[in-house]
C-alpha atoms as a PDB file:
ATOM      1  CA  UNK A   1       0.170  -0.026  -0.047  1.00  0.00           C
ATOM      2  CA  UNK A   2       1.560   3.213  -1.127  1.00  0.00           C
ATOM      3  CA  UNK A   3       1.640   6.781   1.114  1.00  0.00           C
ATOM      4  CA  UNK A   4      -1.454   7.777  -0.808  1.00  0.00           C
ATOM      5  CA  UNK A   5      -3.129   4.784  -0.301  1.00  0.00           C
ATOM      6  CA  UNK A   6      -2.447   5.184   3.412  1.00  0.00           C
ATOM      7  CA  UNK A   7      -3.776   8.615   3.600  1.00  0.00           C
ATOM      8  CA  UNK A   8      -6.509   7.788   1.955  1.00  0.00           C
ATOM      9  CA  UNK A   9      -7.839   4.919   4.201  1.00  0.00           C
ATOM     10  CA  UNK A  10      -7.478   7.479   7.113  1.00  0.00           C
ATOM     11  CA  UNK A  11      -9.517  10.009   5.425  1.00  0.00           C
ATOM     12  CA  UNK A  12     -12.392   7.618   4.761  1.00  0.00           C
ATOM     13  CA  UNK A  13     -11.757   6.312   8.618  1.00  0.00           C
ATOM     14  CA  UNK A  14     -12.847   9.657   9.695  1.00  0.00           C
ATOM     15  CA  UNK A  15     -15.771  10.086   7.515  1.00  0.00           C
ATOM     16  CA  UNK A  16     -17.227   6.668   8.361  1.00  0.00           C
ATOM     17  CA  UNK A  17     -20.428   6.453  10.756  1.00  0.00           C
ATOM     18  CA  UNK A  18     -18.220   4.712  13.034  1.00  0.00           C
ATOM     19  CA  UNK A  19     -15.678   7.123  15.766  1.00  0.00           C
ATOM     20  CA  UNK A  20     -12.336   6.441  14.906  1.00  0.00           C
ATOM     21  CA  UNK A  21     -10.680   4.994  17.904  1.00  0.00           C
ATOM     22  CA  UNK A  22      -6.884   5.392  18.190  1.00  0.00           C
ATOM     23  CA  UNK A  23      -5.028   5.017  21.104  1.00  0.00           C
ATOM     24  CA  UNK A  24      -1.902   6.868  21.246  1.00  0.00           C
ATOM     25  CA  UNK A  25       1.628   5.254  21.184  1.00  0.00           C
ATOM     26  CA  UNK A  26       5.136   7.106  21.511  1.00  0.00           C
ATOM     27  CA  UNK A  27       7.740   4.641  20.351  1.00  0.00           C
ATOM     28  CA  UNK A  28       8.201   1.130  18.620  1.00  0.00           C
ATOM     29  CA  UNK A  29       7.092  -1.415  21.298  1.00  0.00           C
ATOM     30  CA  UNK A  30       3.778   0.807  22.075  1.00  0.00           C
ATOM     31  CA  UNK A  31       2.981   0.673  18.816  1.00  0.00           C
ATOM     32  CA  UNK A  32       3.104  -2.874  18.358  1.00  0.00           C
ATOM     33  CA  UNK A  33       1.199  -3.744  21.542  1.00  0.00           C
ATOM     34  CA  UNK A  34      -1.645  -1.660  19.838  1.00  0.00           C
ATOM     35  CA  UNK A  35      -0.743  -3.143  16.527  1.00  0.00           C
ATOM     36  CA  UNK A  36      -1.194  -6.769  17.934  1.00  0.00           C
ATOM     37  CA  UNK A  37      -5.211  -5.813  18.570  1.00  0.00           C
ATOM     38  CA  UNK A  38      -7.484  -6.617  15.774  1.00  0.00           C
ATOM     39  CA  UNK A  39      -9.427  -3.321  16.477  1.00  0.00           C
ATOM     40  CA  UNK A  40      -6.387  -1.081  15.052  1.00  0.00           C
ATOM     41  CA  UNK A  41      -7.344   0.572  12.017  1.00  0.00           C
ATOM     42  CA  UNK A  42      -4.774   3.538  12.361  1.00  0.00           C
ATOM     43  CA  UNK A  43      -2.091   4.847  14.697  1.00  0.00           C
ATOM     44  CA  UNK A  44      -1.636   8.361  16.088  1.00  0.00           C
ATOM     45  CA  UNK A  45       1.322   9.453  17.947  1.00  0.00           C
ATOM     46  CA  UNK A  46       1.259  11.522  21.064  1.00  0.00           C
ATOM     47  CA  UNK A  47       4.078  14.755  20.794  1.00  0.00           C
ATOM     48  CA  UNK A  48       3.752  14.792  24.817  1.00  0.00           C
ATOM     49  CA  UNK A  49       4.647  11.529  25.183  1.00  0.00           C
ATOM     50  CA  UNK A  50       7.449  11.437  22.632  1.00  0.00           C
ATOM     51  CA  UNK A  51       8.773  14.441  23.936  1.00  0.00           C
ATOM     52  CA  UNK A  52       8.369  12.982  27.775  1.00  0.00           C
ATOM     53  CA  UNK A  53      10.276  10.001  26.404  1.00  0.00           C
ATOM     54  CA  UNK A  54      13.485  12.463  25.470  1.00  0.00           C
ATOM     55  CA  UNK A  55      13.458  14.416  28.254  1.00  0.00           C
ATOM     56  CA  UNK A  56      11.489  17.401  27.003  1.00  0.00           C
ATOM     57  CA  UNK A  57       8.648  19.652  27.783  1.00  0.00           C
ATOM     58  CA  UNK A  58       5.573  19.310  25.799  1.00  0.00           C
ATOM     59  CA  UNK A  59       6.127  21.643  22.170  1.00  0.00           C
ATOM     60  CA  UNK A  60       9.928  21.718  22.869  1.00  0.00           C
ATOM     61  CA  UNK A  61      11.194  18.543  21.361  1.00  0.00           C
ATOM     62  CA  UNK A  62      13.481  18.968  17.942  1.00  0.00           C
ATOM     63  CA  UNK A  63      11.388  17.982  14.779  1.00  0.00           C
ATOM     64  CA  UNK A  64      14.338  15.867  13.710  1.00  0.00           C
ATOM     65  CA  UNK A  65      13.936  13.521  16.956  1.00  0.00           C
ATOM     66  CA  UNK A  66      10.363  13.751  16.409  1.00  0.00           C
ATOM     67  CA  UNK A  67      10.645  12.456  12.533  1.00  0.00           C
ATOM     68  CA  UNK A  68      13.316   9.667  13.274  1.00  0.00           C
ATOM     69  CA  UNK A  69      10.810   8.293  16.343  1.00  0.00           C
ATOM     70  CA  UNK A  70       7.609   8.452  13.928  1.00  0.00           C
ATOM     71  CA  UNK A  71       9.583   6.851  11.160  1.00  0.00           C
ATOM     72  CA  UNK A  72      10.435   4.108  12.945  1.00  0.00           C
ATOM     73  CA  UNK A  73       6.840   3.923  14.478  1.00  0.00           C
ATOM     74  CA  UNK A  74       5.827   4.070  10.365  1.00  0.00           C
ATOM     75  CA  UNK A  75       7.816   1.070   9.451  1.00  0.00           C
ATOM     76  CA  UNK A  76       6.529  -1.061  12.394  1.00  0.00           C
ATOM     77  CA  UNK A  77       2.942  -0.206  11.240  1.00  0.00           C
ATOM     78  CA  UNK A  78       3.240  -1.619   7.723  1.00  0.00           C
ATOM     79  CA  UNK A  79      -0.102  -0.947   5.949  1.00  0.00           C
ATOM     80  CA  UNK A  80      -1.573   0.767   8.735  1.00  0.00           C
ATOM     81  CA  UNK A  81      -1.999   4.769   8.694  1.00  0.00           C
ATOM     82  CA  UNK A  82      -0.304   6.679  10.960  1.00  0.00           C
ATOM     83  CA  UNK A  83      -0.942  10.189  12.102  1.00  0.00           C
ATOM     84  CA  UNK A  84       1.681  12.027  14.052  1.00  0.00           C
ATOM     85  CA  UNK A  85       1.384  14.939  16.409  1.00  0.00           C
ATOM     86  CA  UNK A  86       3.541  17.193  14.681  1.00  0.00           C
ATOM     87  CA  UNK A  87       3.005  20.353  17.444  1.00  0.00           C
ATOM     88  CA  UNK A  88       2.396  23.445  15.886  1.00  0.00           C
ATOM     89  CA  UNK A  89       4.107  22.721  12.001  1.00  0.00           C
ATOM     90  CA  UNK A  90       7.241  24.444  13.914  1.00  0.00           C
ATOM     91  CA  UNK A  91       8.402  27.206  11.954  1.00  0.00           C
ATOM     92  CA  UNK A  92       7.359  26.426   8.207  1.00  0.00           C
ATOM     93  CA  UNK A  93       4.074  23.727   8.536  1.00  0.00           C
ATOM     94  CA  UNK A  94       4.537  23.051   4.786  1.00  0.00           C
ATOM     95  CA  UNK A  95       8.067  21.910   4.853  1.00  0.00           C
ATOM     96  CA  UNK A  96       7.415  20.000   8.142  1.00  0.00           C
ATOM     97  CA  UNK A  97       4.446  18.449   6.427  1.00  0.00           C
ATOM     98  CA  UNK A  98       7.136  17.260   3.419  1.00  0.00           C
ATOM     99  CA  UNK A  99       9.770  16.107   5.713  1.00  0.00           C
ATOM    100  CA  UNK A 100       7.001  13.842   7.671  1.00  0.00           C
ATOM    101  CA  UNK A 101       5.839  12.600   4.534  1.00  0.00           C
ATOM    102  CA  UNK A 102       9.176  11.464   3.904  1.00  0.00           C
ATOM    103  CA  UNK A 103       9.221   9.161   6.430  1.00  0.00           C
ATOM    104  CA  UNK A 104       6.341   7.712   5.759  1.00  0.00           C
ATOM    105  CA  UNK A 105       3.421   9.760   8.088  1.00  0.00           C
ATOM    106  CA  UNK A 106      -0.156  10.286   5.814  1.00  0.00           C
ATOM    107  CA  UNK A 107      -1.926  12.745   8.528  1.00  0.00           C
ATOM    108  CA  UNK A 108      -1.365  14.934  11.497  1.00  0.00           C
ATOM    109  CA  UNK A 109      -2.102  16.750  14.200  1.00  0.00           C
ATOM    110  CA  UNK A 110      -1.154  20.391  14.545  1.00  0.00           C
ATOM    111  CA  UNK A 111      -1.588  23.140  16.887  1.00  0.00           C
ATOM    112  CA  UNK A 112      -3.014  26.712  16.306  1.00  0.00           C
ATOM    113  CA  UNK A 113      -2.101  28.095  19.164  1.00  0.00           C
ATOM    114  CA  UNK A 114      -4.556  30.966  19.015  1.00  0.00           C
ATOM    115  CA  UNK A 115      -2.725  32.297  16.492  1.00  0.00           C
ATOM    116  CA  UNK A 116      -5.073  35.000  14.349  1.00  0.00           C
ATOM    117  CA  UNK A 117      -7.359  33.089  12.233  1.00  0.00           C
ATOM    118  CA  UNK A 118      -6.213  34.214   8.984  1.00  0.00           C
ATOM    119  CA  UNK A 119      -2.414  33.133  10.222  1.00  0.00           C
ATOM    120  CA  UNK A 120      -3.320  29.979  11.266  1.00  0.00           C
ATOM    121  CA  UNK A 121      -5.665  29.459   8.034  1.00  0.00           C
ATOM    122  CA  UNK A 122      -3.009  30.195   5.776  1.00  0.00           C
ATOM    123  CA  UNK A 123      -0.567  27.589   7.690  1.00  0.00           C
ATOM    124  CA  UNK A 124      -3.435  24.903   7.159  1.00  0.00           C
ATOM    125  CA  UNK A 125      -3.189  25.799   3.610  1.00  0.00           C
ATOM    126  CA  UNK A 126       0.562  25.088   3.326  1.00  0.00           C
ATOM    127  CA  UNK A 127      -0.001  21.735   4.893  1.00  0.00           C
ATOM    128  CA  UNK A 128      -2.484  20.755   2.497  1.00  0.00           C
ATOM    129  CA  UNK A 129      -0.303  22.218  -0.668  1.00  0.00           C
ATOM    130  CA  UNK A 130       2.477  20.545   0.687  1.00  0.00           C
ATOM    131  CA  UNK A 131       0.709  17.083   0.638  1.00  0.00           C
ATOM    132  CA  UNK A 132      -0.709  17.593  -2.982  1.00  0.00           C
ATOM    133  CA  UNK A 133       3.076  18.362  -3.861  1.00  0.00           C
ATOM    134  CA  UNK A 134       3.867  15.082  -2.560  1.00  0.00           C
ATOM    135  CA  UNK A 135       1.388  13.250  -4.350  1.00  0.00           C
ATOM    136  CA  UNK A 136      -0.193  12.335  -0.857  1.00  0.00           C
ATOM    137  CA  UNK A 137      -3.312  13.421   0.048  1.00  0.00           C
ATOM    138  CA  UNK A 138      -2.384  14.671   3.416  1.00  0.00           C
ATOM    139  CA  UNK A 139      -5.058  14.333   6.229  1.00  0.00           C
ATOM    140  CA  UNK A 140      -5.126  17.301   8.506  1.00  0.00           C
ATOM    141  CA  UNK A 141      -6.513  16.914  12.029  1.00  0.00           C
ATOM    142  CA  UNK A 142      -6.315  20.858  12.831  1.00  0.00           C
ATOM    143  CA  UNK A 143      -6.450  21.496  16.204  1.00  0.00           C
ATOM    144  CA  UNK A 144      -7.653  24.705  17.598  1.00  0.00           C
ATOM    145  CA  UNK A 145      -6.704  25.666  21.009  1.00  0.00           C
ATOM    146  CA  UNK A 146      -9.860  27.431  21.896  1.00  0.00           C
ATOM    147  CA  UNK A 147     -10.891  25.443  25.117  1.00  0.00           C
ATOM    148  CA  UNK A 148      -7.110  24.552  26.597  1.00  0.00           C
ATOM    149  CA  UNK A 149      -5.220  27.874  26.032  1.00  0.00           C
ATOM    150  CA  UNK A 150      -8.189  30.097  27.139  1.00  0.00           C
ATOM    151  CA  UNK A 151      -8.877  29.386  30.846  1.00  0.00           C
ATOM    152  CA  UNK A 152     -11.588  31.008  32.621  1.00  0.00           C
ATOM    153  CA  UNK A 153     -13.165  32.446  29.240  1.00  0.00           C
ATOM    154  CA  UNK A 154     -16.549  32.111  28.987  1.00  0.00           C
ATOM    155  CA  UNK A 155     -17.667  28.562  27.409  1.00  0.00           C
ATOM    156  CA  UNK A 156     -20.056  30.674  24.848  1.00  0.00           C
ATOM    157  CA  UNK A 157     -17.011  32.486  23.469  1.00  0.00           C
ATOM    158  CA  UNK A 158     -14.811  29.180  23.505  1.00  0.00           C
ATOM    159  CA  UNK A 159     -17.655  27.475  21.518  1.00  0.00           C
ATOM    160  CA  UNK A 160     -17.877  30.152  19.028  1.00  0.00           C
ATOM    161  CA  UNK A 161     -13.726  30.845  18.613  1.00  0.00           C
ATOM    162  CA  UNK A 162     -13.521  26.878  17.859  1.00  0.00           C
ATOM    163  CA  UNK A 163     -16.558  26.625  15.625  1.00  0.00           C
ATOM    164  CA  UNK A 164     -15.003  30.038  13.768  1.00  0.00           C
ATOM    165  CA  UNK A 165     -11.718  28.444  13.559  1.00  0.00           C
ATOM    166  CA  UNK A 166     -13.184  25.324  12.701  1.00  0.00           C
ATOM    167  CA  UNK A 167     -14.789  26.458   9.268  1.00  0.00           C
ATOM    168  CA  UNK A 168     -12.161  28.308   8.481  1.00  0.00           C
ATOM    169  CA  UNK A 169      -9.577  25.224   8.901  1.00  0.00           C
ATOM    170  CA  UNK A 170     -11.954  23.033   7.143  1.00  0.00           C
ATOM    171  CA  UNK A 171     -12.545  25.806   3.894  1.00  0.00           C
ATOM    172  CA  UNK A 172      -8.319  25.973   4.000  1.00  0.00           C
ATOM    173  CA  UNK A 173      -8.510  21.966   3.523  1.00  0.00           C
ATOM    174  CA  UNK A 174      -8.242  19.955   6.583  1.00  0.00           C
ATOM    175  CA  UNK A 175      -9.913  16.908   7.017  1.00  0.00           C
ATOM    176  CA  UNK A 176     -11.461  17.527  10.528  1.00  0.00           C
ATOM    177  CA  UNK A 177     -11.171  19.611  13.265  1.00  0.00           C
ATOM    178  CA  UNK A 178      -9.437  18.302  16.876  1.00  0.00           C
ATOM    179  CA  UNK A 179     -11.099  20.263  19.677  1.00  0.00           C
ATOM    180  CA  UNK A 180      -9.449  19.305  22.518  1.00  0.00           C
ATOM    181  CA  UNK A 181     -11.041  19.735  26.262  1.00  0.00           C
ATOM    182  CA  UNK A 182     -13.128  17.769  28.523  1.00  0.00           C
ATOM    183  CA  UNK A 183     -16.105  18.414  26.425  1.00  0.00           C
ATOM    184  CA  UNK A 184     -19.835  17.733  27.902  1.00  0.00           C
ATOM    185  CA  UNK A 185     -22.384  16.461  25.794  1.00  0.00           C
ATOM    186  CA  UNK A 186     -24.186  19.769  24.857  1.00  0.00           C
ATOM    187  CA  UNK A 187     -20.849  21.487  24.222  1.00  0.00           C
ATOM    188  CA  UNK A 188     -19.966  18.739  21.753  1.00  0.00           C
ATOM    189  CA  UNK A 189     -23.657  18.871  20.277  1.00  0.00           C
ATOM    190  CA  UNK A 190     -22.836  22.644  19.560  1.00  0.00           C
ATOM    191  CA  UNK A 191     -19.465  22.203  18.165  1.00  0.00           C
ATOM    192  CA  UNK A 192     -20.791  19.561  15.605  1.00  0.00           C
ATOM    193  CA  UNK A 193     -23.771  21.805  14.610  1.00  0.00           C
ATOM    194  CA  UNK A 194     -21.357  24.266  14.320  1.00  0.00           C
ATOM    195  CA  UNK A 195     -18.484  22.659  12.287  1.00  0.00           C
ATOM    196  CA  UNK A 196     -19.609  19.870  10.833  1.00  0.00           C
ATOM    197  CA  UNK A 197     -21.202  16.087  11.005  1.00  0.00           C
ATOM    198  CA  UNK A 198     -18.120  13.631  11.220  1.00  0.00           C
ATOM    199  CA  UNK A 199     -15.701  16.844  10.918  1.00  0.00           C
ATOM    200  CA  UNK A 200     -14.949  17.175  14.810  1.00  0.00           C
ATOM    201  CA  UNK A 201     -12.090  15.513  16.262  1.00  0.00           C
ATOM    202  CA  UNK A 202     -12.101  15.125  20.716  1.00  0.00           C
ATOM    203  CA  UNK A 203      -9.784  13.690  23.199  1.00  0.00           C
ATOM    204  CA  UNK A 204     -10.799  11.069  25.646  1.00  0.00           C
ATOM    205  CA  UNK A 205      -9.760  12.603  29.347  1.00  0.00           C
ATOM    206  CA  UNK A 206     -11.092  11.667  33.316  1.00  0.00           C
ATOM    207  CA  UNK A 207     -14.381  13.189  32.881  1.00  0.00           C
ATOM    208  CA  UNK A 208     -15.027  13.388  29.252  1.00  0.00           C
ATOM    209  CA  UNK A 209     -17.709  11.475  27.824  1.00  0.00           C
ATOM    210  CA  UNK A 210     -17.272   7.549  26.311  1.00  0.00           C
ATOM    211  CA  UNK A 211     -16.468   7.149  22.573  1.00  0.00           C
ATOM    212  CA  UNK A 212     -20.122   5.710  21.747  1.00  0.00           C
ATOM    213  CA  UNK A 213     -21.241   8.818  23.821  1.00  0.00           C
ATOM    214  CA  UNK A 214     -19.098  10.740  21.260  1.00  0.00           C
ATOM    215  CA  UNK A 215     -20.124   8.835  18.009  1.00  0.00           C
ATOM    216  CA  UNK A 216     -23.587   9.367  18.785  1.00  0.00           C
ATOM    217  CA  UNK A 217     -23.034  13.346  18.544  1.00  0.00           C
ATOM    218  CA  UNK A 218     -21.413  12.913  15.603  1.00  0.00           C
ATOM    219  CA  UNK A 219     -17.748  13.567  16.269  1.00  0.00           C
ATOM    220  CA  UNK A 220     -15.571  11.242  13.806  1.00  0.00           C
ATOM    221  CA  UNK A 221     -12.593  10.870  16.023  1.00  0.00           C
ATOM    222  CA  UNK A 222     -11.557   9.910  19.687  1.00  0.00           C
ATOM    223  CA  UNK A 223      -7.801  10.087  21.113  1.00  0.00           C
ATOM    224  CA  UNK A 224      -6.222  10.062  24.340  1.00  0.00           C
ATOM    225  CA  UNK A 225      -2.886  11.814  24.116  1.00  0.00           C
ATOM    226  CA  UNK A 226      -0.541  11.379  26.701  1.00  0.00           C
ATOM    227  CA  UNK A 227      -2.773   9.616  29.136  1.00  0.00           C
ATOM    228  CA  UNK A 228      -2.195   6.136  27.446  1.00  0.00           C
ATOM    229  CA  UNK A 229       1.727   7.234  28.435  1.00  0.00           C
ATOM    230  CA  UNK A 230       0.904   7.725  32.104  1.00  0.00           C
ATOM    231  CA  UNK A 231      -1.309   4.698  32.146  1.00  0.00           C
ATOM    232  CA  UNK A 232       1.993   2.519  31.261  1.00  0.00           C
ATOM    233  CA  UNK A 233       4.120   4.561  33.869  1.00  0.00           C
ATOM    234  CA  UNK A 234       1.716   4.327  36.740  1.00  0.00           C
ATOM    235  CA  UNK A 235       2.159   0.734  36.266  1.00  0.00           C
ATOM    236  CA  UNK A 236       5.736   0.595  35.872  1.00  0.00           C
ATOM    237  CA  UNK A 237       6.314   2.851  39.486  1.00  0.00           C
ATOM    238  CA  UNK A 238       3.748   0.844  41.051  1.00  0.00           C
ATOM    239  CA  UNK A 239       5.316  -2.673  40.204  1.00  0.00           C
ATOM    240  CA  UNK A 240       8.638  -0.797  40.971  1.00  0.00           C
ATOM    241  CA  UNK A 241       7.087   0.345  44.580  1.00  0.00           C
ATOM    242  CA  UNK A 242       6.037  -3.443  44.692  1.00  0.00           C
ATOM    243  CA  UNK A 243       9.410  -4.698  44.195  1.00  0.00           C
ATOM    244  CA  UNK A 244      11.353  -2.677  46.551  1.00  0.00           C
ATOM    245  CA  UNK A 245       9.014  -3.841  49.563  1.00  0.00           C
ATOM    246  CA  UNK A 246       9.744  -7.697  48.288  1.00  0.00           C
ATOM    247  CA  UNK A 247       7.272  -8.219  46.113  1.00  0.00           C
ATOM    248  CA  UNK A 248       7.386 -10.186  42.760  1.00  0.00           C
ATOM    249  CA  UNK A 249       6.551  -9.657  38.937  1.00  0.00           C
ATOM    250  CA  UNK A 250       2.574 -10.311  38.519  1.00  0.00           C
ATOM    251  CA  UNK A 251       1.787 -13.441  37.493  1.00  0.00           C
ATOM    252  CA  UNK A 252       0.016 -13.331  34.006  1.00  0.00           C
ATOM    253  CA  UNK A 253       2.282 -10.727  33.049  1.00  0.00           C
ATOM    254  CA  UNK A 254       2.736 -10.868  29.293  1.00  0.00           C
ATOM    255  CA  UNK A 255       5.660 -11.140  27.150  1.00  0.00           C
ATOM    256  CA  UNK A 256       4.876  -7.463  24.592  1.00  0.00           C
ATOM    257  CA  UNK A 257       8.362  -6.861  23.936  1.00  0.00           C
END
């Protein structure tokens, strides 16, 4: 399967009636653990988790390190499409996209960081144009930080901002619009009404709705960001504490590496 084929497959998964559930991974072994499950239709990397693995704060990891890791994940994934978290696209979102396609990535999240809408939409256009130039219909999950970077703002204002930005990004060629935050049913309903059915992507966090509930509201995709790595690290720290207390490795531990 070519990169273009994988990109079209990812886009079709976004458009399907069923919500696309992507369990975020951060390296090859985590990717293989998720790929072993028959429910896995696509992979998505967690930029926060990759950055943490290399000792960087979220959003501060050099692009070269991210691309090296996601390229390894693409190799492990075979024909399964991989969408990467590429932070805000770095200095040149179009060039970042070109380089990502070069290592096999066929889609990405990119944050707007609440740049002016016209500027953010122009960056979306550059991503889409880079994909076209490379012969890959690159699948952009355009992220708006209307909720997560505007704490304390009235929810009505955040909804209006997210809808305006989402429409602008779709018009610029984005596939779907990622609105992270703990979104209840009413907020989600209004976002879907404003941005479009099967055009909104959400994150599953403690306190959020279930994937099935989001699906019923018309959401296209749900991912889990850094929380999957946090679950793994919680298990590691807990077993380490048990071993320090003269415990043993739990029975039933699977050889996933």
